[in-house]
Amino acid sequence: GYDPTKAYLYLVNPRGQIWTKRFPEVQKRLEERGSMNTGPGNYFIIPADPKEPIPAKAPASNTTEPSYWIPRHMMVTLLEEVIEDQEKQRNQKNTKVGSIQLFPNQKCLSL
């Protein structure tokens, strides 16, 4: 059966899209790869602790703007691709835009 403790989806709602729309390529790929949800609807906030019960009732959303459901691994891949594309363009144009370095599978112990 379905085990919500093993599923991890992002819902990028209009509030989250304030950020994604600042990066047009991120927004474009989100719209291509995500599953669009429009209009009022219900959603569930699943507790991180698998011992906590899943809520019986979900609050209704009151927005008519689209939101996008996307699995975590797809969102991470999408962001990595956009970063790689930006780095290629930055290197080709020799701009003064700062670089982004990814360190996958690493833990951040401090900043």
PDB file of N, CA and C in Angstrom:
ATOM      1  N   GLY A   1       0.805  -1.187   0.000  1.00  0.00           N
ATOM      2  CA  GLY A   1       0.000   0.000   0.000  1.00  0.00           C
ATOM      3  C   GLY A   1       0.850   1.253   0.000  1.00  0.00           C
ATOM      4  N   TYR A   2       0.174   2.358   0.002  1.00  0.00           N
ATOM      5  CA  TYR A   2       0.826   3.662  -0.009  1.00  0.00           C
ATOM      6  C   TYR A   2       1.398   3.969   1.367  1.00  0.00           C
ATOM      7  N   ASP A   3       2.656   4.331   1.409  1.00  0.00           N
ATOM      8  CA  ASP A   3       3.314   4.689   2.661  1.00  0.00           C
ATOM      9  C   ASP A   3       3.752   6.148   2.562  1.00  0.00           C
ATOM     10  N   PRO A   4       3.000   7.086   3.167  1.00  0.00           N
ATOM     11  CA  PRO A   4       3.341   8.499   3.036  1.00  0.00           C
ATOM     12  C   PRO A   4       4.676   8.865   3.652  1.00  0.00           C
ATOM     13  N   THR A   5       5.213   8.019   4.513  1.00  0.00           N
ATOM     14  CA  THR A   5       6.505   8.333   5.116  1.00  0.00           C
ATOM     15  C   THR A   5       7.649   8.119   4.131  1.00  0.00           C
ATOM     16  N   LYS A   6       7.374   7.444   3.011  1.00  0.00           N
ATOM     17  CA  LYS A   6       8.426   7.201   2.020  1.00  0.00           C
ATOM     18  C   LYS A   6       8.276   8.086   0.787  1.00  0.00           C
ATOM     19  N   ALA A   7       7.215   8.845   0.715  1.00  0.00           N
ATOM     20  CA  ALA A   7       6.992   9.741  -0.418  1.00  0.00           C
ATOM     21  C   ALA A   7       7.396  11.155   0.003  1.00  0.00           C
ATOM     22  N   TYR A   8       8.029  11.865  -0.880  1.00  0.00           N
ATOM     23  CA  TYR A   8       8.406  13.239  -0.579  1.00  0.00           C
ATOM     24  C   TYR A   8       8.168  14.075  -1.816  1.00  0.00           C
ATOM     25  N   LEU A   9       7.104  14.858  -1.788  1.00  0.00           N
ATOM     26  CA  LEU A   9       6.749  15.721  -2.901  1.00  0.00           C
ATOM     27  C   LEU A   9       6.830  17.172  -2.442  1.00  0.00           C
ATOM     28  N   TYR A  10       7.212  18.036  -3.360  1.00  0.00           N
ATOM     29  CA  TYR A  10       7.145  19.465  -3.105  1.00  0.00           C
ATOM     30  C   TYR A  10       5.886  19.990  -3.783  1.00  0.00           C
ATOM     31  N   LEU A  11       5.190  20.872  -3.109  1.00  0.00           N
ATOM     32  CA  LEU A  11       4.120  21.638  -3.733  1.00  0.00           C
ATOM     33  C   LEU A  11       4.646  23.060  -3.843  1.00  0.00           C
ATOM     34  N   VAL A  12       4.948  23.470  -5.061  1.00  0.00           N
ATOM     35  CA  VAL A  12       5.440  24.828  -5.280  1.00  0.00           C
ATOM     36  C   VAL A  12       4.209  25.675  -5.584  1.00  0.00           C
ATOM     37  N   ASN A  13       3.721  26.342  -4.549  1.00  0.00           N
ATOM     38  CA  ASN A  13       2.504  27.132  -4.667  1.00  0.00           C
ATOM     39  C   ASN A  13       2.852  28.543  -5.144  1.00  0.00           C
ATOM     40  N   PRO A  14       1.855  29.422  -5.316  1.00  0.00           N
ATOM     41  CA  PRO A  14       2.165  30.780  -5.783  1.00  0.00           C
ATOM     42  C   PRO A  14       3.204  31.500  -4.924  1.00  0.00           C
ATOM     43  N   ARG A  15       3.184  31.271  -3.628  1.00  0.00           N
ATOM     44  CA  ARG A  15       4.191  31.900  -2.759  1.00  0.00           C
ATOM     45  C   ARG A  15       5.592  31.398  -3.114  1.00  0.00           C
ATOM     46  N   GLY A  16       5.746  30.090  -3.316  1.00  0.00           N
ATOM     47  CA  GLY A  16       7.032  29.527  -3.707  1.00  0.00           C
ATOM     48  C   GLY A  16       7.471  29.976  -5.085  1.00  0.00           C
ATOM     49  N   GLN A  17       6.498  30.259  -5.940  1.00  0.00           N
ATOM     50  CA  GLN A  17       6.826  30.688  -7.303  1.00  0.00           C
ATOM     51  C   GLN A  17       7.298  32.129  -7.371  1.00  0.00           C
ATOM     52  N   ILE A  18       7.167  32.862  -6.279  1.00  0.00           N
ATOM     53  CA  ILE A  18       7.784  34.199  -6.248  1.00  0.00           C
ATOM     54  C   ILE A  18       9.286  34.025  -6.484  1.00  0.00           C
ATOM     55  N   TRP A  19       9.869  32.968  -5.874  1.00  0.00           N
ATOM     56  CA  TRP A  19      11.297  32.687  -6.057  1.00  0.00           C
ATOM     57  C   TRP A  19      11.571  32.083  -7.426  1.00  0.00           C
ATOM     58  N   THR A  20      10.812  31.054  -7.817  1.00  0.00           N
ATOM     59  CA  THR A  20      11.118  30.370  -9.088  1.00  0.00           C
ATOM     60  C   THR A  20      10.967  31.299 -10.281  1.00  0.00           C
ATOM     61  N   LYS A  21      10.042  32.246 -10.211  1.00  0.00           N
ATOM     62  CA  LYS A  21       9.832  33.165 -11.338  1.00  0.00           C
ATOM     63  C   LYS A  21      10.975  34.171 -11.479  1.00  0.00           C
ATOM     64  N   ARG A  22      11.782  34.321 -10.444  1.00  0.00           N
ATOM     65  CA  ARG A  22      12.960  35.191 -10.551  1.00  0.00           C
ATOM     66  C   ARG A  22      14.050  34.523 -11.394  1.00  0.00           C
ATOM     67  N   PHE A  23      13.896  33.211 -11.614  1.00  0.00           N
ATOM     68  CA  PHE A  23      14.828  32.433 -12.423  1.00  0.00           C
ATOM     69  C   PHE A  23      14.009  31.750 -13.509  1.00  0.00           C
ATOM     70  N   PRO A  24      13.837  32.419 -14.656  1.00  0.00           N
ATOM     71  CA  PRO A  24      12.911  31.937 -15.678  1.00  0.00           C
ATOM     72  C   PRO A  24      13.129  30.480 -16.095  1.00  0.00           C
ATOM     73  N   GLU A  25      14.360  30.035 -16.142  1.00  0.00           N
ATOM     74  CA  GLU A  25      14.615  28.648 -16.559  1.00  0.00           C
ATOM     75  C   GLU A  25      14.123  27.661 -15.495  1.00  0.00           C
ATOM     76  N   VAL A  26      14.213  28.021 -14.235  1.00  0.00           N
ATOM     77  CA  VAL A  26      13.680  27.172 -13.166  1.00  0.00           C
ATOM     78  C   VAL A  26      12.163  27.076 -13.309  1.00  0.00           C
ATOM     79  N   GLN A  27      11.500  28.216 -13.498  1.00  0.00           N
ATOM     80  CA  GLN A  27      10.043  28.232 -13.630  1.00  0.00           C
ATOM     81  C   GLN A  27       9.607  27.436 -14.855  1.00  0.00           C
ATOM     82  N   LYS A  28      10.301  27.615 -15.967  1.00  0.00           N
ATOM     83  CA  LYS A  28       9.950  26.907 -17.201  1.00  0.00           C
ATOM     84  C   LYS A  28      10.028  25.384 -16.992  1.00  0.00           C
ATOM     85  N   ARG A  29      11.104  24.923 -16.391  1.00  0.00           N
ATOM     86  CA  ARG A  29      11.269  23.486 -16.182  1.00  0.00           C
ATOM     87  C   ARG A  29      10.290  22.956 -15.138  1.00  0.00           C
ATOM     88  N   LEU A  30       9.979  23.763 -14.140  1.00  0.00           N
ATOM     89  CA  LEU A  30       8.980  23.363 -13.148  1.00  0.00           C
ATOM     90  C   LEU A  30       7.636  23.147 -13.834  1.00  0.00           C
ATOM     91  N   GLU A  31       7.258  24.061 -14.706  1.00  0.00           N
ATOM     92  CA  GLU A  31       5.984  23.940 -15.420  1.00  0.00           C
ATOM     93  C   GLU A  31       5.980  22.729 -16.354  1.00  0.00           C
ATOM     94  N   GLU A  32       7.130  22.420 -16.951  1.00  0.00           N
ATOM     95  CA  GLU A  32       7.222  21.261 -17.852  1.00  0.00           C
ATOM     96  C   GLU A  32       7.171  19.935 -17.094  1.00  0.00           C
ATOM     97  N   ARG A  33       7.828  19.862 -15.950  1.00  0.00           N
ATOM     98  CA  ARG A  33       8.008  18.594 -15.252  1.00  0.00           C
ATOM     99  C   ARG A  33       7.046  18.370 -14.087  1.00  0.00           C
ATOM    100  N   GLY A  34       6.537  19.448 -13.542  1.00  0.00           N
ATOM    101  CA  GLY A  34       5.636  19.320 -12.403  1.00  0.00           C
ATOM    102  C   GLY A  34       4.228  18.978 -12.851  1.00  0.00           C
ATOM    103  N   SER A  35       3.427  18.582 -11.914  1.00  0.00           N
ATOM    104  CA  SER A  35       2.021  18.294 -12.162  1.00  0.00           C
ATOM    105  C   SER A  35       1.217  19.488 -11.669  1.00  0.00           C
ATOM    106  N   MET A  36       0.583  20.188 -12.622  1.00  0.00           N
ATOM    107  CA  MET A  36      -0.103  21.429 -12.285  1.00  0.00           C
ATOM    108  C   MET A  36      -1.392  21.153 -11.516  1.00  0.00           C
ATOM    109  N   ASN A  37      -1.636  21.970 -10.521  1.00  0.00           N
ATOM    110  CA  ASN A  37      -2.848  21.920  -9.723  1.00  0.00           C
ATOM    111  C   ASN A  37      -3.430  23.322  -9.734  1.00  0.00           C
ATOM    112  N   THR A  38      -4.684  23.460 -10.194  1.00  0.00           N
ATOM    113  CA  THR A  38      -5.310  24.786 -10.229  1.00  0.00           C
ATOM    114  C   THR A  38      -6.596  24.775  -9.429  1.00  0.00           C
ATOM    115  N   GLY A  39      -6.976  25.951  -9.020  1.00  0.00           N
ATOM    116  CA  GLY A  39      -8.239  26.119  -8.337  1.00  0.00           C
ATOM    117  C   GLY A  39      -8.213  25.643  -6.903  1.00  0.00           C
ATOM    118  N   PRO A  40      -9.324  25.864  -6.236  1.00  0.00           N
ATOM    119  CA  PRO A  40      -9.384  25.441  -4.846  1.00  0.00           C
ATOM    120  C   PRO A  40      -9.297  23.931  -4.730  1.00  0.00           C
ATOM    121  N   GLY A  41      -8.668  23.485  -3.705  1.00  0.00           N
ATOM    122  CA  GLY A  41      -8.526  22.055  -3.495  1.00  0.00           C
ATOM    123  C   GLY A  41      -8.017  21.779  -2.106  1.00  0.00           C
ATOM    124  N   ASN A  42      -7.905  20.535  -1.791  1.00  0.00           N
ATOM    125  CA  ASN A  42      -7.412  20.132  -0.481  1.00  0.00           C
ATOM    126  C   ASN A  42      -5.989  19.632  -0.595  1.00  0.00           C
ATOM    127  N   TYR A  43      -5.267  19.774   0.468  1.00  0.00           N
ATOM    128  CA  TYR A  43      -3.908  19.256   0.518  1.00  0.00           C
ATOM    129  C   TYR A  43      -3.672  18.729   1.921  1.00  0.00           C
ATOM    130  N   PHE A  44      -2.694  17.868   2.044  1.00  0.00           N
ATOM    131  CA  PHE A  44      -2.353  17.305   3.334  1.00  0.00           C
ATOM    132  C   PHE A  44      -0.937  17.702   3.703  1.00  0.00           C
ATOM    133  N   ILE A  45      -0.739  18.046   4.940  1.00  0.00           N
ATOM    134  CA  ILE A  45       0.605  18.242   5.465  1.00  0.00           C
ATOM    135  C   ILE A  45       0.895  16.995   6.284  1.00  0.00           C
ATOM    136  N   ILE A  46       1.791  16.174   5.773  1.00  0.00           N
ATOM    137  CA  ILE A  46       2.116  14.904   6.405  1.00  0.00           C
ATOM    138  C   ILE A  46       3.217  15.139   7.428  1.00  0.00           C
ATOM    139  N   PRO A  47       3.007  14.728   8.664  1.00  0.00           N
ATOM    140  CA  PRO A  47       4.036  14.920   9.691  1.00  0.00           C
ATOM    141  C   PRO A  47       5.324  14.172   9.333  1.00  0.00           C
ATOM    142  N   ALA A  48       6.445  14.748   9.693  1.00  0.00           N
ATOM    143  CA  ALA A  48       7.733  14.105   9.423  1.00  0.00           C
ATOM    144  C   ALA A  48       7.921  12.862  10.278  1.00  0.00           C
ATOM    145  N   ASP A  49       7.336  12.858  11.455  1.00  0.00           N
ATOM    146  CA  ASP A  49       7.452  11.711  12.354  1.00  0.00           C
ATOM    147  C   ASP A  49       6.440  10.648  11.941  1.00  0.00           C
ATOM    148  N   PRO A  50       6.908   9.473  11.491  1.00  0.00           N
ATOM    149  CA  PRO A  50       5.972   8.442  11.031  1.00  0.00           C
ATOM    150  C   PRO A  50       5.049   7.921  12.132  1.00  0.00           C
ATOM    151  N   LYS A  51       5.357   8.217  13.386  1.00  0.00           N
ATOM    152  CA  LYS A  51       4.500   7.771  14.493  1.00  0.00           C
ATOM    153  C   LYS A  51       3.288   8.682  14.670  1.00  0.00           C
ATOM    154  N   GLU A  52       3.363   9.894  14.107  1.00  0.00           N
ATOM    155  CA  GLU A  52       2.230  10.818  14.205  1.00  0.00           C
ATOM    156  C   GLU A  52       1.163  10.424  13.188  1.00  0.00           C
ATOM    157  N   PRO A  53      -0.102  10.528  13.558  1.00  0.00           N
ATOM    158  CA  PRO A  53      -1.167  10.166  12.612  1.00  0.00           C
ATOM    159  C   PRO A  53      -1.269  11.167  11.469  1.00  0.00           C
ATOM    160  N   ILE A  54      -1.734  10.676  10.340  1.00  0.00           N
ATOM    161  CA  ILE A  54      -1.979  11.543   9.185  1.00  0.00           C
ATOM    162  C   ILE A  54      -3.272  12.295   9.456  1.00  0.00           C
ATOM    163  N   PRO A  55      -3.302  13.603   9.190  1.00  0.00           N
ATOM    164  CA  PRO A  55      -4.519  14.362   9.455  1.00  0.00           C
ATOM    165  C   PRO A  55      -5.708  13.813   8.670  1.00  0.00           C
ATOM    166  N   ALA A  56      -6.868  13.788   9.309  1.00  0.00           N
ATOM    167  CA  ALA A  56      -8.076  13.265   8.662  1.00  0.00           C
ATOM    168  C   ALA A  56      -8.650  14.262   7.667  1.00  0.00           C
ATOM    169  N   LYS A  57      -8.577  15.547   7.986  1.00  0.00           N
ATOM    170  CA  LYS A  57      -9.138  16.577   7.130  1.00  0.00           C
ATOM    171  C   LYS A  57      -8.051  17.545   6.708  1.00  0.00           C
ATOM    172  N   ALA A  58      -8.103  17.934   5.457  1.00  0.00           N
ATOM    173  CA  ALA A  58      -7.129  18.902   4.957  1.00  0.00           C
ATOM    174  C   ALA A  58      -7.810  20.246   4.752  1.00  0.00           C
ATOM    175  N   PRO A  59      -7.115  21.337   5.024  1.00  0.00           N
ATOM    176  CA  PRO A  59      -7.712  22.645   4.765  1.00  0.00           C
ATOM    177  C   PRO A  59      -7.839  22.883   3.264  1.00  0.00           C
ATOM    178  N   ALA A  60      -8.845  23.619   2.886  1.00  0.00           N
ATOM    179  CA  ALA A  60      -9.049  23.940   1.465  1.00  0.00           C
ATOM    180  C   ALA A  60      -8.169  25.105   1.070  1.00  0.00           C
ATOM    181  N   SER A  61      -7.656  25.032  -0.136  1.00  0.00           N
ATOM    182  CA  SER A  61      -6.865  26.125  -0.686  1.00  0.00           C
ATOM    183  C   SER A  61      -7.830  27.118  -1.328  1.00  0.00           C
ATOM    184  N   ASN A  62      -7.556  28.397  -1.194  1.00  0.00           N
ATOM    185  CA  ASN A  62      -8.485  29.385  -1.751  1.00  0.00           C
ATOM    186  C   ASN A  62      -7.877  30.152  -2.925  1.00  0.00           C
ATOM    187  N   THR A  63      -6.874  29.618  -3.556  1.00  0.00           N
ATOM    188  CA  THR A  63      -6.242  30.311  -4.676  1.00  0.00           C
ATOM    189  C   THR A  63      -6.669  29.691  -5.997  1.00  0.00           C
ATOM    190  N   THR A  64      -6.694  30.510  -7.032  1.00  0.00           N
ATOM    191  CA  THR A  64      -6.978  29.998  -8.375  1.00  0.00           C
ATOM    192  C   THR A  64      -5.706  29.999  -9.218  1.00  0.00           C
ATOM    193  N   GLU A  65      -4.602  30.453  -8.647  1.00  0.00           N
ATOM    194  CA  GLU A  65      -3.325  30.433  -9.360  1.00  0.00           C
ATOM    195  C   GLU A  65      -2.785  29.002  -9.348  1.00  0.00           C
ATOM    196  N   PRO A  66      -2.071  28.614 -10.405  1.00  0.00           N
ATOM    197  CA  PRO A  66      -1.565  27.234 -10.444  1.00  0.00           C
ATOM    198  C   PRO A  66      -0.443  26.988  -9.442  1.00  0.00           C
ATOM    199  N   SER A  67      -0.432  25.794  -8.922  1.00  0.00           N
ATOM    200  CA  SER A  67       0.653  25.277  -8.099  1.00  0.00           C
ATOM    201  C   SER A  67       1.181  24.042  -8.809  1.00  0.00           C
ATOM    202  N   TYR A  68       2.384  23.619  -8.470  1.00  0.00           N
ATOM    203  CA  TYR A  68       2.990  22.469  -9.135  1.00  0.00           C
ATOM    204  C   TYR A  68       3.498  21.476  -8.110  1.00  0.00           C
ATOM    205  N   TRP A  69       3.058  20.234  -8.248  1.00  0.00           N
ATOM    206  CA  TRP A  69       3.584  19.130  -7.453  1.00  0.00           C
ATOM    207  C   TRP A  69       4.759  18.552  -8.212  1.00  0.00           C
ATOM    208  N   ILE A  70       5.855  18.310  -7.513  1.00  0.00           N
ATOM    209  CA  ILE A  70       7.018  17.715  -8.155  1.00  0.00           C
ATOM    210  C   ILE A  70       7.769  16.886  -7.114  1.00  0.00           C
ATOM    211  N   PRO A  71       8.141  15.657  -7.472  1.00  0.00           N
ATOM    212  CA  PRO A  71       8.913  14.842  -6.523  1.00  0.00           C
ATOM    213  C   PRO A  71      10.246  15.510  -6.200  1.00  0.00           C
ATOM    214  N   ARG A  72      10.691  15.320  -4.981  1.00  0.00           N
ATOM    215  CA  ARG A  72      11.926  15.954  -4.504  1.00  0.00           C
ATOM    216  C   ARG A  72      13.097  15.669  -5.426  1.00  0.00           C
ATOM    217  N   HIS A  73      13.287  14.402  -5.808  1.00  0.00           N
ATOM    218  CA  HIS A  73      14.451  14.073  -6.643  1.00  0.00           C
ATOM    219  C   HIS A  73      14.386  14.791  -7.987  1.00  0.00           C
ATOM    220  N   MET A  74      13.182  15.014  -8.525  1.00  0.00           N
ATOM    221  CA  MET A  74      13.063  15.735  -9.796  1.00  0.00           C
ATOM    222  C   MET A  74      13.363  17.221  -9.611  1.00  0.00           C
ATOM    223  N   MET A  75      12.962  17.784  -8.476  1.00  0.00           N
ATOM    224  CA  MET A  75      13.237  19.201  -8.214  1.00  0.00           C
ATOM    225  C   MET A  75      14.728  19.424  -8.026  1.00  0.00           C
ATOM    226  N   VAL A  76      15.392  18.522  -7.320  1.00  0.00           N
ATOM    227  CA  VAL A  76      16.836  18.632  -7.126  1.00  0.00           C
ATOM    228  C   VAL A  76      17.553  18.543  -8.473  1.00  0.00           C
ATOM    229  N   THR A  77      17.145  17.578  -9.303  1.00  0.00           N
ATOM    230  CA  THR A  77      17.749  17.433 -10.638  1.00  0.00           C
ATOM    231  C   THR A  77      17.526  18.684 -11.475  1.00  0.00           C
ATOM    232  N   LEU A  78      16.310  19.214 -11.431  1.00  0.00           N
ATOM    233  CA  LEU A  78      15.982  20.434 -12.171  1.00  0.00           C
ATOM    234  C   LEU A  78      16.912  21.574 -11.763  1.00  0.00           C
ATOM    235  N   LEU A  79      17.099  21.767 -10.466  1.00  0.00           N
ATOM    236  CA  LEU A  79      17.973  22.845  -9.982  1.00  0.00           C
ATOM    237  C   LEU A  79      19.424  22.611 -10.376  1.00  0.00           C
ATOM    238  N   GLU A  80      19.879  21.352 -10.296  1.00  0.00           N
ATOM    239  CA  GLU A  80      21.257  21.041 -10.705  1.00  0.00           C
ATOM    240  C   GLU A  80      21.464  21.348 -12.183  1.00  0.00           C
ATOM    241  N   GLU A  81      20.486  21.000 -13.023  1.00  0.00           N
ATOM    242  CA  GLU A  81      20.603  21.270 -14.461  1.00  0.00           C
ATOM    243  C   GLU A  81      20.670  22.762 -14.747  1.00  0.00           C
ATOM    244  N   VAL A  82      19.838  23.538 -14.079  1.00  0.00           N
ATOM    245  CA  VAL A  82      19.833  24.983 -14.292  1.00  0.00           C
ATOM    246  C   VAL A  82      21.173  25.581 -13.866  1.00  0.00           C
ATOM    247  N   ILE A  83      21.710  25.097 -12.751  1.00  0.00           N
ATOM    248  CA  ILE A  83      23.016  25.586 -12.283  1.00  0.00           C
ATOM    249  C   ILE A  83      24.107  25.239 -13.298  1.00  0.00           C
ATOM    250  N   GLU A  84      24.102  23.999 -13.788  1.00  0.00           N
ATOM    251  CA  GLU A  84      25.107  23.596 -14.785  1.00  0.00           C
ATOM    252  C   GLU A  84      25.003  24.451 -16.043  1.00  0.00           C
ATOM    253  N   ASP A  85      23.777  24.700 -16.517  1.00  0.00           N
ATOM    254  CA  ASP A  85      23.582  25.535 -17.702  1.00  0.00           C
ATOM    255  C   ASP A  85      24.086  26.954 -17.463  1.00  0.00           C
ATOM    256  N   GLN A  86      23.807  27.489 -16.271  1.00  0.00           N
ATOM    257  CA  GLN A  86      24.267  28.840 -15.959  1.00  0.00           C
ATOM    258  C   GLN A  86      25.788  28.891 -15.951  1.00  0.00           C
ATOM    259  N   GLU A  87      26.411  27.877 -15.382  1.00  0.00           N
ATOM    260  CA  GLU A  87      27.876  27.853 -15.326  1.00  0.00           C
ATOM    261  C   GLU A  87      28.492  27.787 -16.728  1.00  0.00           C
ATOM    262  N   LYS A  88      27.899  26.993 -17.622  1.00  0.00           N
ATOM    263  CA  LYS A  88      28.390  26.919 -19.002  1.00  0.00           C
ATOM    264  C   LYS A  88      28.288  28.283 -19.669  1.00  0.00           C
ATOM    265  N   GLN A  89      27.146  28.939 -19.504  1.00  0.00           N
ATOM    266  CA  GLN A  89      26.950  30.263 -20.110  1.00  0.00           C
ATOM    267  C   GLN A  89      27.904  31.277 -19.504  1.00  0.00           C
ATOM    268  N   ARG A  90      28.084  31.204 -18.192  1.00  0.00           N
ATOM    269  CA  ARG A  90      28.975  32.142 -17.511  1.00  0.00           C
ATOM    270  C   ARG A  90      30.405  31.980 -18.019  1.00  0.00           C
ATOM    271  N   ASN A  91      30.846  30.738 -18.180  1.00  0.00           N
ATOM    272  CA  ASN A  91      32.198  30.480 -18.664  1.00  0.00           C
ATOM    273  C   ASN A  91      32.378  30.918 -20.116  1.00  0.00           C
ATOM    274  N   GLN A  92      31.342  30.747 -20.937  1.00  0.00           N
ATOM    275  CA  GLN A  92      31.435  31.138 -22.345  1.00  0.00           C
ATOM    276  C   GLN A  92      31.437  32.653 -22.512  1.00  0.00           C
ATOM    277  N   LYS A  93      30.686  33.347 -21.679  1.00  0.00           N
ATOM    278  CA  LYS A  93      30.566  34.796 -21.800  1.00  0.00           C
ATOM    279  C   LYS A  93      31.631  35.537 -21.007  1.00  0.00           C
ATOM    280  N   ASN A  94      32.321  34.819 -20.113  1.00  0.00           N
ATOM    281  CA  ASN A  94      33.343  35.424 -19.270  1.00  0.00           C
ATOM    282  C   ASN A  94      32.786  36.640 -18.524  1.00  0.00           C
ATOM    283  N   THR A  95      31.630  36.459 -17.921  1.00  0.00           N
ATOM    284  CA  THR A  95      30.988  37.557 -17.201  1.00  0.00           C
ATOM    285  C   THR A  95      31.517  37.638 -15.779  1.00  0.00           C
ATOM    286  N   LYS A  96      31.107  38.670 -15.085  1.00  0.00           N
ATOM    287  CA  LYS A  96      31.509  38.848 -13.692  1.00  0.00           C
ATOM    288  C   LYS A  96      30.479  38.246 -12.731  1.00  0.00           C
ATOM    289  N   VAL A  97      29.544  37.475 -13.274  1.00  0.00           N
ATOM    290  CA  VAL A  97      28.555  36.801 -12.430  1.00  0.00           C
ATOM    291  C   VAL A  97      29.284  35.733 -11.629  1.00  0.00           C
ATOM    292  N   GLY A  98      28.991  35.676 -10.354  1.00  0.00           N
ATOM    293  CA  GLY A  98      29.654  34.695  -9.498  1.00  0.00           C
ATOM    294  C   GLY A  98      29.294  33.265  -9.872  1.00  0.00           C
ATOM    295  N   SER A  99      30.170  32.346  -9.516  1.00  0.00           N
ATOM    296  CA  SER A  99      29.923  30.940  -9.838  1.00  0.00           C
ATOM    297  C   SER A  99      29.164  30.259  -8.712  1.00  0.00           C
ATOM    298  N   ILE A 100      28.535  29.156  -9.062  1.00  0.00           N
ATOM    299  CA  ILE A 100      27.840  28.317  -8.088  1.00  0.00           C
ATOM    300  C   ILE A 100      28.555  26.982  -8.075  1.00  0.00           C
ATOM    301  N   GLN A 101      28.926  26.532  -6.913  1.00  0.00           N
ATOM    302  CA  GLN A 101      29.584  25.234  -6.785  1.00  0.00           C
ATOM    303  C   GLN A 101      28.690  24.298  -5.999  1.00  0.00           C
ATOM    304  N   LEU A 102      28.460  23.119  -6.564  1.00  0.00           N
ATOM    305  CA  LEU A 102      27.660  22.103  -5.890  1.00  0.00           C
ATOM    306  C   LEU A 102      28.584  21.089  -5.235  1.00  0.00           C
ATOM    307  N   PHE A 103      28.208  20.664  -4.069  1.00  0.00           N
ATOM    308  CA  PHE A 103      28.928  19.623  -3.355  1.00  0.00           C
ATOM    309  C   PHE A 103      27.929  18.535  -2.968  1.00  0.00           C
ATOM    310  N   PRO A 104      27.569  17.669  -3.918  1.00  0.00           N
ATOM    311  CA  PRO A 104      26.552  16.653  -3.624  1.00  0.00           C
ATOM    312  C   PRO A 104      27.048  15.631  -2.599  1.00  0.00           C
ATOM    313  N   ASN A 105      26.098  15.089  -1.864  1.00  0.00           N
ATOM    314  CA  ASN A 105      26.362  14.043  -0.867  1.00  0.00           C
ATOM    315  C   ASN A 105      27.314  14.495   0.229  1.00  0.00           C
ATOM    316  N   GLN A 106      27.282  15.777   0.560  1.00  0.00           N
ATOM    317  CA  GLN A 106      28.129  16.309   1.614  1.00  0.00           C
ATOM    318  C   GLN A 106      27.260  16.868   2.723  1.00  0.00           C
ATOM    319  N   LYS A 107      27.771  16.902   3.924  1.00  0.00           N
ATOM    320  CA  LYS A 107      27.076  17.513   5.043  1.00  0.00           C
ATOM    321  C   LYS A 107      27.698  18.874   5.324  1.00  0.00           C
ATOM    322  N   CYS A 108      26.857  19.837   5.613  1.00  0.00           N
ATOM    323  CA  CYS A 108      27.331  21.159   6.002  1.00  0.00           C
ATOM    324  C   CYS A 108      27.380  21.192   7.519  1.00  0.00           C
ATOM    325  N   LEU A 109      28.568  21.298   8.059  1.00  0.00           N
ATOM    326  CA  LEU A 109      28.725  21.310   9.516  1.00  0.00           C
ATOM    327  C   LEU A 109      28.654  22.707  10.088  1.00  0.00           C
ATOM    328  N   SER A 110      29.024  23.698   9.273  1.00  0.00           N
ATOM    329  CA  SER A 110      28.914  25.078   9.728  1.00  0.00           C
ATOM    330  C   SER A 110      29.072  25.994   8.519  1.00  0.00           C
ATOM    331  N   LEU A 111      28.680  27.256   8.720  1.00  0.00           N
ATOM    332  CA  LEU A 111      28.839  28.268   7.680  1.00  0.00           C
ATOM    333  C   LEU A 111      29.706  29.389   8.198  1.00  0.00           C
TER     334      LEU A 111
END
